[in-house]
Structures are given as C-alpha cells and as structure tokens.
PDB file of all heavy atoms in Angstrom:
ATOM      1  N   ALA A   1     186.579 128.004 117.961  1.00  0.00           N
ATOM      2  CA  ALA A   1     185.266 127.547 117.481  1.00  0.00           C
ATOM      3  C   ALA A   1     185.190 126.026 117.471  1.00  0.00           C
ATOM      4  O   ALA A   1     184.161 125.438 117.829  1.00  0.00           O
ATOM      5  CB  ALA A   1     184.998 128.099 116.083  1.00  0.00           C
ATOM      6  N   GLU A   2     186.294 125.372 117.086  1.00  0.00           N
ATOM      7  CA  GLU A   2     186.307 123.911 117.041  1.00  0.00           C
ATOM      8  C   GLU A   2     186.228 123.316 118.437  1.00  0.00           C
ATOM      9  O   GLU A   2     185.597 122.270 118.649  1.00  0.00           O
ATOM     10  CB  GLU A   2     187.571 123.431 116.324  1.00  0.00           C
ATOM     11  CG  GLU A   2     187.559 123.724 114.829  1.00  0.00           C
ATOM     12  CD  GLU A   2     188.905 123.500 114.173  1.00  0.00           C
ATOM     13  OE1 GLU A   2     189.942 123.572 114.884  1.00  0.00           O
ATOM     14  OE2 GLU A   2     188.935 123.263 112.951  1.00  0.00           O
ATOM     15  N   ARG A   3     186.864 123.972 119.417  1.00  0.00           N
ATOM     16  CA  ARG A   3     186.773 123.505 120.806  1.00  0.00           C
ATOM     17  C   ARG A   3     185.327 123.560 121.301  1.00  0.00           C
ATOM     18  O   ARG A   3     184.834 122.630 121.937  1.00  0.00           O
ATOM     19  CB  ARG A   3     187.658 124.373 121.713  1.00  0.00           C
ATOM     20  CG  ARG A   3     189.139 124.073 121.622  1.00  0.00           C
ATOM     21  CD  ARG A   3     189.943 125.103 122.397  1.00  0.00           C
ATOM     22  NE  ARG A   3     191.355 124.796 122.332  1.00  0.00           N
ATOM     23  CZ  ARG A   3     192.015 124.081 123.252  1.00  0.00           C
ATOM     24  NH1 ARG A   3     191.373 123.639 124.313  1.00  0.00           N
ATOM     25  NH2 ARG A   3     193.288 123.823 123.127  1.00  0.00           N
ATOM     26  N   GLU A   4     184.668 124.685 121.003  1.00  0.00           N
ATOM     27  CA  GLU A   4     183.271 124.811 121.429  1.00  0.00           C
ATOM     28  C   GLU A   4     182.428 123.721 120.791  1.00  0.00           C
ATOM     29  O   GLU A   4     181.585 123.101 121.448  1.00  0.00           O
ATOM     30  CB  GLU A   4     182.720 126.183 121.049  1.00  0.00           C
ATOM     31  CG  GLU A   4     181.267 126.365 121.459  1.00  0.00           C
ATOM     32  CD  GLU A   4     180.685 127.700 121.050  1.00  0.00           C
ATOM     33  OE1 GLU A   4     181.407 128.506 120.425  1.00  0.00           O
ATOM     34  OE2 GLU A   4     179.493 127.924 121.340  1.00  0.00           O
ATOM     35  N   HIS A   5     182.681 123.461 119.515  1.00  0.00           N
ATOM     36  CA  HIS A   5     181.916 122.435 118.813  1.00  0.00           C
ATOM     37  C   HIS A   5     182.153 121.062 119.430  1.00  0.00           C
ATOM     38  O   HIS A   5     181.212 120.279 119.606  1.00  0.00           O
ATOM     39  CB  HIS A   5     182.332 122.421 117.341  1.00  0.00           C
ATOM     40  CG  HIS A   5     181.472 121.555 116.484  1.00  0.00           C
ATOM     41  ND1 HIS A   5     180.120 121.761 116.320  1.00  0.00           N
ATOM     42  CD2 HIS A   5     181.762 120.455 115.740  1.00  0.00           C
ATOM     43  CE1 HIS A   5     179.621 120.854 115.508  1.00  0.00           C
ATOM     44  NE2 HIS A   5     180.595 120.042 115.154  1.00  0.00           N
ATOM     45  N   LEU A   6     183.390 120.748 119.799  1.00  0.00           N
ATOM     46  CA  LEU A   6     183.702 119.462 120.425  1.00  0.00           C
ATOM     47  C   LEU A   6     182.945 119.302 121.734  1.00  0.00           C
ATOM     48  O   LEU A   6     182.317 118.260 121.982  1.00  0.00           O
ATOM     49  CB  LEU A   6     185.214 119.366 120.677  1.00  0.00           C
ATOM     50  CG  LEU A   6     185.679 118.143 121.472  1.00  0.00           C
ATOM     51  CD1 LEU A   6     185.376 116.859 120.718  1.00  0.00           C
ATOM     52  CD2 LEU A   6     187.170 118.251 121.785  1.00  0.00           C
ATOM     53  N   PHE A   7     182.973 120.326 122.576  1.00  0.00           N
ATOM     54  CA  PHE A   7     182.277 120.238 123.855  1.00  0.00           C
ATOM     55  C   PHE A   7     180.766 120.099 123.668  1.00  0.00           C
ATOM     56  O   PHE A   7     180.098 119.349 124.389  1.00  0.00           O
ATOM     57  CB  PHE A   7     182.594 121.466 124.718  1.00  0.00           C
ATOM     58  CG  PHE A   7     183.839 121.323 125.538  1.00  0.00           C
ATOM     59  CD1 PHE A   7     185.089 121.472 124.963  1.00  0.00           C
ATOM     60  CD2 PHE A   7     183.762 121.027 126.890  1.00  0.00           C
ATOM     61  CE1 PHE A   7     186.244 121.331 125.711  1.00  0.00           C
ATOM     62  CE2 PHE A   7     184.904 120.887 127.655  1.00  0.00           C
ATOM     63  CZ  PHE A   7     186.160 121.032 127.068  1.00  0.00           C
ATOM     64  N   LEU A   8     180.213 120.810 122.683  1.00  0.00           N
ATOM     65  CA  LEU A   8     178.783 120.730 122.447  1.00  0.00           C
ATOM     66  C   LEU A   8     178.383 119.359 121.909  1.00  0.00           C
ATOM     67  O   LEU A   8     177.328 118.828 122.266  1.00  0.00           O
ATOM     68  CB  LEU A   8     178.351 121.830 121.475  1.00  0.00           C
ATOM     69  CG  LEU A   8     178.391 123.249 122.057  1.00  0.00           C
ATOM     70  CD1 LEU A   8     178.282 124.286 120.954  1.00  0.00           C
ATOM     71  CD2 LEU A   8     177.283 123.437 123.075  1.00  0.00           C
ATOM     72  N   LEU A   9     179.220 118.780 121.060  1.00  0.00           N
ATOM     73  CA  LEU A   9     178.918 117.440 120.543  1.00  0.00           C
ATOM     74  C   LEU A   9     178.909 116.406 121.658  1.00  0.00           C
ATOM     75  O   LEU A   9     178.085 115.493 121.672  1.00  0.00           O
ATOM     76  CB  LEU A   9     179.953 117.041 119.485  1.00  0.00           C
ATOM     77  CG  LEU A   9     179.797 117.646 118.087  1.00  0.00           C
ATOM     78  CD1 LEU A   9     180.969 117.241 117.209  1.00  0.00           C
ATOM     79  CD2 LEU A   9     178.480 117.216 117.443  1.00  0.00           C
ATOM     80  N   VAL A  10     179.827 116.538 122.594  1.00  0.00           N
ATOM     81  CA  VAL A  10     179.958 115.539 123.653  1.00  0.00           C
ATOM     82  C   VAL A  10     178.951 115.777 124.771  1.00  0.00           C
ATOM     83  O   VAL A  10     178.311 114.850 125.267  1.00  0.00           O
ATOM     84  CB  VAL A  10     181.388 115.545 124.216  1.00  0.00           C
ATOM     85  CG1 VAL A  10     181.497 114.629 125.433  1.00  0.00           C
ATOM     86  CG2 VAL A  10     182.378 115.104 123.144  1.00  0.00           C
ATOM     87  N   GLN A  11     178.785 117.043 125.179  1.00  0.00           N
ATOM     88  CA  GLN A  11     177.968 117.339 126.345  1.00  0.00           C
ATOM     89  C   GLN A  11     176.526 117.682 125.999  1.00  0.00           C
ATOM     90  O   GLN A  11     175.692 117.821 126.883  1.00  0.00           O
ATOM     91  CB  GLN A  11     178.600 118.483 127.134  1.00  0.00           C
ATOM     92  CG  GLN A  11     179.969 118.102 127.701  1.00  0.00           C
ATOM     93  CD  GLN A  11     180.584 119.214 128.516  1.00  0.00           C
ATOM     94  OE1 GLN A  11     180.122 120.354 128.490  1.00  0.00           O
ATOM     95  NE2 GLN A  11     181.632 118.892 129.252  1.00  0.00           N
ATOM     96  N   GLY A  12     176.231 117.825 124.717  1.00  0.00           N
ATOM     97  CA  GLY A  12     174.850 118.089 124.326  1.00  0.00           C
ATOM     98  C   GLY A  12     174.508 119.560 124.332  1.00  0.00           C
ATOM     99  O   GLY A  12     175.367 120.424 124.446  1.00  0.00           O
ATOM    100  N   ARG A  13     173.207 119.823 124.191  1.00  0.00           N
ATOM    101  CA  ARG A  13     172.749 121.198 124.060  1.00  0.00           C
ATOM    102  C   ARG A  13     172.924 121.972 125.347  1.00  0.00           C
ATOM    103  O   ARG A  13     173.040 121.401 126.425  1.00  0.00           O
ATOM    104  CB  ARG A  13     171.286 121.235 123.635  1.00  0.00           C
ATOM    105  CG  ARG A  13     170.335 120.673 124.674  1.00  0.00           C
ATOM    106  CD  ARG A  13     168.904 120.859 124.265  1.00  0.00           C
ATOM    107  NE  ARG A  13     168.600 120.131 123.040  1.00  0.00           N
ATOM    108  CZ  ARG A  13     167.480 120.333 122.339  1.00  0.00           C
ATOM    109  NH1 ARG A  13     166.617 121.223 122.735  1.00  0.00           N
ATOM    110  NH2 ARG A  13     167.244 119.639 121.253  1.00  0.00           N
ATOM    111  N   ARG A  14     172.923 123.294 125.207  1.00  0.00           N
ATOM    112  CA  ARG A  14     173.008 124.153 126.379  1.00  0.00           C
ATOM    113  C   ARG A  14     171.712 124.103 127.155  1.00  0.00           C
ATOM    114  O   ARG A  14     170.671 123.716 126.645  1.00  0.00           O
ATOM    115  CB  ARG A  14     173.292 125.592 125.949  1.00  0.00           C
ATOM    116  CG  ARG A  14     174.674 125.775 125.338  1.00  0.00           C
ATOM    117  CD  ARG A  14     174.891 127.217 124.967  1.00  0.00           C
ATOM    118  NE  ARG A  14     176.252 127.433 124.514  1.00  0.00           N
ATOM    119  CZ  ARG A  14     176.740 128.630 124.203  1.00  0.00           C
ATOM    120  NH1 ARG A  14     175.967 129.690 124.269  1.00  0.00           N
ATOM    121  NH2 ARG A  14     177.990 128.760 123.802  1.00  0.00           N
ATOM    122  N   VAL A  15     171.801 124.550 128.407  1.00  0.00           N
ATOM    123  CA  VAL A  15     170.611 124.534 129.271  1.00  0.00           C
ATOM    124  C   VAL A  15     169.503 125.390 128.678  1.00  0.00           C
ATOM    125  O   VAL A  15     168.323 125.071 128.786  1.00  0.00           O
ATOM    126  CB  VAL A  15     170.986 125.044 130.681  1.00  0.00           C
ATOM    127  CG1 VAL A  15     169.747 125.148 131.547  1.00  0.00           C
ATOM    128  CG2 VAL A  15     172.002 124.108 131.322  1.00  0.00           C
ATOM    129  N   ASP A  16     169.900 126.505 128.037  1.00  0.00           N
ATOM    130  CA  ASP A  16     168.888 127.418 127.489  1.00  0.00           C
ATOM    131  C   ASP A  16     168.538 127.112 126.048  1.00  0.00           C
ATOM    132  O   ASP A  16     167.984 127.942 125.355  1.00  0.00           O
ATOM    133  CB  ASP A  16     169.360 128.875 127.597  1.00  0.00           C
ATOM    134  CG  ASP A  16     170.657 129.111 126.818  1.00  0.00           C
ATOM    135  OD1 ASP A  16     171.263 128.124 126.378  1.00  0.00           O
ATOM    136  OD2 ASP A  16     171.048 130.280 126.678  1.00  0.00           O
ATOM    137  N   ALA A  17     168.869 125.884 125.574  1.00  0.00           N
ATOM    138  CA  ALA A  17     168.550 125.541 124.191  1.00  0.00           C
ATOM    139  C   ALA A  17     167.047 125.476 123.981  1.00  0.00           C
ATOM    140  O   ALA A  17     166.307 125.080 124.868  1.00  0.00           O
ATOM    141  CB  ALA A  17     169.162 124.190 123.833  1.00  0.00           C
ATOM    142  N   PRO A  18     166.561 125.869 122.823  1.00  0.00           N
ATOM    143  CA  PRO A  18     165.131 125.829 122.553  1.00  0.00           C
ATOM    144  C   PRO A  18     164.621 124.406 122.496  1.00  0.00           C
ATOM    145  O   PRO A  18     165.300 123.503 122.045  1.00  0.00           O
ATOM    146  CB  PRO A  18     165.009 126.507 121.177  1.00  0.00           C
ATOM    147  CG  PRO A  18     166.342 126.309 120.544  1.00  0.00           C
ATOM    148  CD  PRO A  18     167.337 126.341 121.661  1.00  0.00           C
ATOM    149  N   ARG A  19     163.414 124.195 122.946  1.00  0.00           N
ATOM    150  CA  ARG A  19     162.824 122.858 122.974  1.00  0.00           C
ATOM    151  C   ARG A  19     162.008 122.545 121.740  1.00  0.00           C
ATOM    152  O   ARG A  19     161.588 121.418 121.552  1.00  0.00           O
ATOM    153  CB  ARG A  19     161.927 122.719 124.219  1.00  0.00           C
ATOM    154  CG  ARG A  19     162.670 122.948 125.529  1.00  0.00           C
ATOM    155  CD  ARG A  19     163.873 122.052 125.661  1.00  0.00           C
ATOM    156  NE  ARG A  19     164.582 122.284 126.907  1.00  0.00           N
ATOM    157  CZ  ARG A  19     165.782 121.818 127.187  1.00  0.00           C
ATOM    158  NH1 ARG A  19     166.444 121.127 126.282  1.00  0.00           N
ATOM    159  NH2 ARG A  19     166.352 122.068 128.342  1.00  0.00           N
ATOM    160  N   GLY A  20     161.781 123.511 120.897  1.00  0.00           N
ATOM    161  CA  GLY A  20     160.984 123.262 119.712  1.00  0.00           C
ATOM    162  C   GLY A  20     161.133 124.406 118.746  1.00  0.00           C
ATOM    163  O   GLY A  20     161.943 125.311 118.941  1.00  0.00           O
ATOM    164  N   PRO A  21     160.360 124.416 117.664  1.00  0.00           N
ATOM    165  CA  PRO A  21     160.468 125.486 116.679  1.00  0.00           C
ATOM    166  C   PRO A  21     160.022 126.818 117.241  1.00  0.00           C
ATOM    167  O   PRO A  21     159.267 126.887 118.207  1.00  0.00           O
ATOM    168  CB  PRO A  21     159.541 125.011 115.550  1.00  0.00           C
ATOM    169  CG  PRO A  21     158.575 124.089 116.214  1.00  0.00           C
ATOM    170  CD  PRO A  21     159.348 123.412 117.301  1.00  0.00           C
ATOM    171  N   ALA A  22     160.515 127.884 116.650  1.00  0.00           N
ATOM    172  CA  ALA A  22     160.137 129.223 117.095  1.00  0.00           C
ATOM    173  C   ALA A  22     158.644 129.447 116.898  1.00  0.00           C
ATOM    174  O   ALA A  22     158.000 128.837 116.056  1.00  0.00           O
ATOM    175  CB  ALA A  22     160.922 130.276 116.303  1.00  0.00           C
ATOM    176  N   ALA A  23     158.115 130.332 117.711  1.00  0.00           N
ATOM    177  CA  ALA A  23     156.692 130.631 117.624  1.00  0.00           C
ATOM    178  C   ALA A  23     156.351 131.156 116.248  1.00  0.00           C
ATOM    179  O   ALA A  23     157.118 131.888 115.624  1.00  0.00           O
ATOM    180  CB  ALA A  23     156.318 131.668 118.684  1.00  0.00           C
ATOM    181  N   ALA A  24     155.174 130.767 115.756  1.00  0.00           N
ATOM    182  CA  ALA A  24     154.765 131.170 114.412  1.00  0.00           C
ATOM    183  C   ALA A  24     154.504 132.666 114.348  1.00  0.00           C
ATOM    184  O   ALA A  24     154.712 133.300 113.318  1.00  0.00           O
ATOM    185  CB  ALA A  24     153.511 130.398 114.006  1.00  0.00           C
ATOM    186  N   VAL A  25     154.073 133.259 115.467  1.00  0.00           N
ATOM    187  CA  VAL A  25     153.765 134.678 115.514  1.00  0.00           C
ATOM    188  C   VAL A  25     154.967 135.412 116.093  1.00  0.00           C
ATOM    189  O   VAL A  25     155.394 135.143 117.213  1.00  0.00           O
ATOM    190  CB  VAL A  25     152.514 134.949 116.367  1.00  0.00           C
ATOM    191  CG1 VAL A  25     152.233 136.446 116.425  1.00  0.00           C
ATOM    192  CG2 VAL A  25     151.315 134.195 115.800  1.00  0.00           C
ATOM    193  N   VAL A  26     155.554 136.323 115.330  1.00  0.00           N
ATOM    194  CA  VAL A  26     156.717 137.075 115.774  1.00  0.00           C
ATOM    195  C   VAL A  26     156.263 138.225 116.651  1.00  0.00           C
ATOM    196  O   VAL A  26     155.314 138.945 116.325  1.00  0.00           O
ATOM    197  CB  VAL A  26     157.509 137.594 114.565  1.00  0.00           C
ATOM    198  CG1 VAL A  26     158.681 138.449 115.009  1.00  0.00           C
ATOM    199  CG2 VAL A  26     157.990 136.426 113.717  1.00  0.00           C
ATOM    200  N   ASP A  27     156.921 138.399 117.775  1.00  0.00           N
ATOM    201  CA  ASP A  27     156.608 139.467 118.713  1.00  0.00           C
ATOM    202  C   ASP A  27     156.657 140.813 117.982  1.00  0.00           C
ATOM    203  O   ASP A  27     157.622 141.112 117.268  1.00  0.00           O
ATOM    204  CB  ASP A  27     157.633 139.452 119.847  1.00  0.00           C
ATOM    205  CG  ASP A  27     157.225 140.342 121.008  1.00  0.00           C
ATOM    206  OD1 ASP A  27     156.885 141.510 120.769  1.00  0.00           O
ATOM    207  OD2 ASP A  27     157.267 139.862 122.162  1.00  0.00           O
ATOM    208  N   PRO A  28     155.634 141.664 118.160  1.00  0.00           N
ATOM    209  CA  PRO A  28     155.614 142.970 117.473  1.00  0.00           C
ATOM    210  C   PRO A  28     156.842 143.825 117.753  1.00  0.00           C
ATOM    211  O   PRO A  28     157.257 144.624 116.900  1.00  0.00           O
ATOM    212  CB  PRO A  28     154.333 143.625 118.014  1.00  0.00           C
ATOM    213  CG  PRO A  28     153.461 142.474 118.402  1.00  0.00           C
ATOM    214  CD  PRO A  28     154.393 141.416 118.902  1.00  0.00           C
ATOM    215  N   ARG A  29     157.462 143.655 118.935  1.00  0.00           N
ATOM    216  CA  ARG A  29     158.639 144.472 119.241  1.00  0.00           C
ATOM    217  C   ARG A  29     159.797 144.149 118.309  1.00  0.00           C
ATOM    218  O   ARG A  29     160.602 145.016 117.991  1.00  0.00           O
ATOM    219  CB  ARG A  29     159.045 144.298 120.703  1.00  0.00           C
ATOM    220  CG  ARG A  29     159.504 142.908 121.084  1.00  0.00           C
ATOM    221  CD  ARG A  29     159.596 142.738 122.596  1.00  0.00           C
ATOM    222  NE  ARG A  29     159.839 141.356 122.962  1.00  0.00           N
ATOM    223  CZ  ARG A  29     161.012 140.897 123.409  1.00  0.00           C
ATOM    224  NH1 ARG A  29     162.032 141.723 123.545  1.00  0.00           N
ATOM    225  NH2 ARG A  29     161.150 139.629 123.746  1.00  0.00           N
ATOM    226  N   PHE A  30     159.856 142.887 117.847  1.00  0.00           N
ATOM    227  CA  PHE A  30     160.910 142.528 116.917  1.00  0.00           C
ATOM    228  C   PHE A  30     160.680 143.181 115.556  1.00  0.00           C
ATOM    229  O   PHE A  30     161.617 143.630 114.897  1.00  0.00           O
ATOM    230  CB  PHE A  30     160.994 141.005 116.752  1.00  0.00           C
ATOM    231  CG  PHE A  30     161.325 140.273 118.026  1.00  0.00           C
ATOM    232  CD1 PHE A  30     160.833 138.997 118.257  1.00  0.00           C
ATOM    233  CD2 PHE A  30     162.118 140.867 118.996  1.00  0.00           C
ATOM    234  CE1 PHE A  30     161.134 138.320 119.429  1.00  0.00           C
ATOM    235  CE2 PHE A  30     162.428 140.202 120.167  1.00  0.00           C
ATOM    236  CZ  PHE A  30     161.934 138.928 120.392  1.00  0.00           C
ATOM    237  N   ARG A  31     159.410 143.226 115.140  1.00  0.00           N
ATOM    238  CA  ARG A  31     159.111 143.889 113.860  1.00  0.00           C
ATOM    239  C   ARG A  31     159.427 145.377 113.934  1.00  0.00           C
ATOM    240  O   ARG A  31     159.919 145.963 112.962  1.00  0.00           O
ATOM    241  CB  ARG A  31     157.642 143.658 113.495  1.00  0.00           C
ATOM    242  CG  ARG A  31     157.296 142.194 113.244  1.00  0.00           C
ATOM    243  CD  ARG A  31     155.930 142.033 112.620  1.00  0.00           C
ATOM    244  NE  ARG A  31     155.591 140.630 112.455  1.00  0.00           N
ATOM    245  CZ  ARG A  31     155.988 139.871 111.435  1.00  0.00           C
ATOM    246  NH1 ARG A  31     156.756 140.399 110.494  1.00  0.00           N
ATOM    247  NH2 ARG A  31     155.631 138.608 111.358  1.00  0.00           N
ATOM    248  N   ARG A  32     159.149 145.995 115.072  1.00  0.00           N
ATOM    249  CA  ARG A  32     159.485 147.415 115.222  1.00  0.00           C
ATOM    250  C   ARG A  32     160.992 147.618 115.150  1.00  0.00           C
ATOM    251  O   ARG A  32     161.477 148.611 114.583  1.00  0.00           O
ATOM    252  CB  ARG A  32     158.942 147.947 116.557  1.00  0.00           C
ATOM    253  CG  ARG A  32     157.423 148.148 116.576  1.00  0.00           C
ATOM    254  CD  ARG A  32     156.998 149.032 117.745  1.00  0.00           C
ATOM    255  NE  ARG A  32     157.296 148.403 119.040  1.00  0.00           N
ATOM    256  CZ  ARG A  32     156.459 147.592 119.679  1.00  0.00           C
ATOM    257  NH1 ARG A  32     155.279 147.308 119.155  1.00  0.00           N
ATOM    258  NH2 ARG A  32     156.789 147.067 120.835  1.00  0.00           N
TER     259      ARG A  32
END
C-alpha cells in the first residue's frame, strides 16, 4: 500500500481519475 501511495504522490492521479465531484443525481440502477 505504501509503494502505491509513493508512486501516486510522485506520478499524480490515474488516467481514469475523476475530474470533479460526483453527479448530484445518483443513477437509479445504483439505488436498485
């Protein structure tokens, strides 16, 4: 876990990292 944290601190966020806050409306499939 510490190795992963070191790489993330140095290399930054992953390519698929979110660009902003989650959508205010939750997809109905998640509620189901």
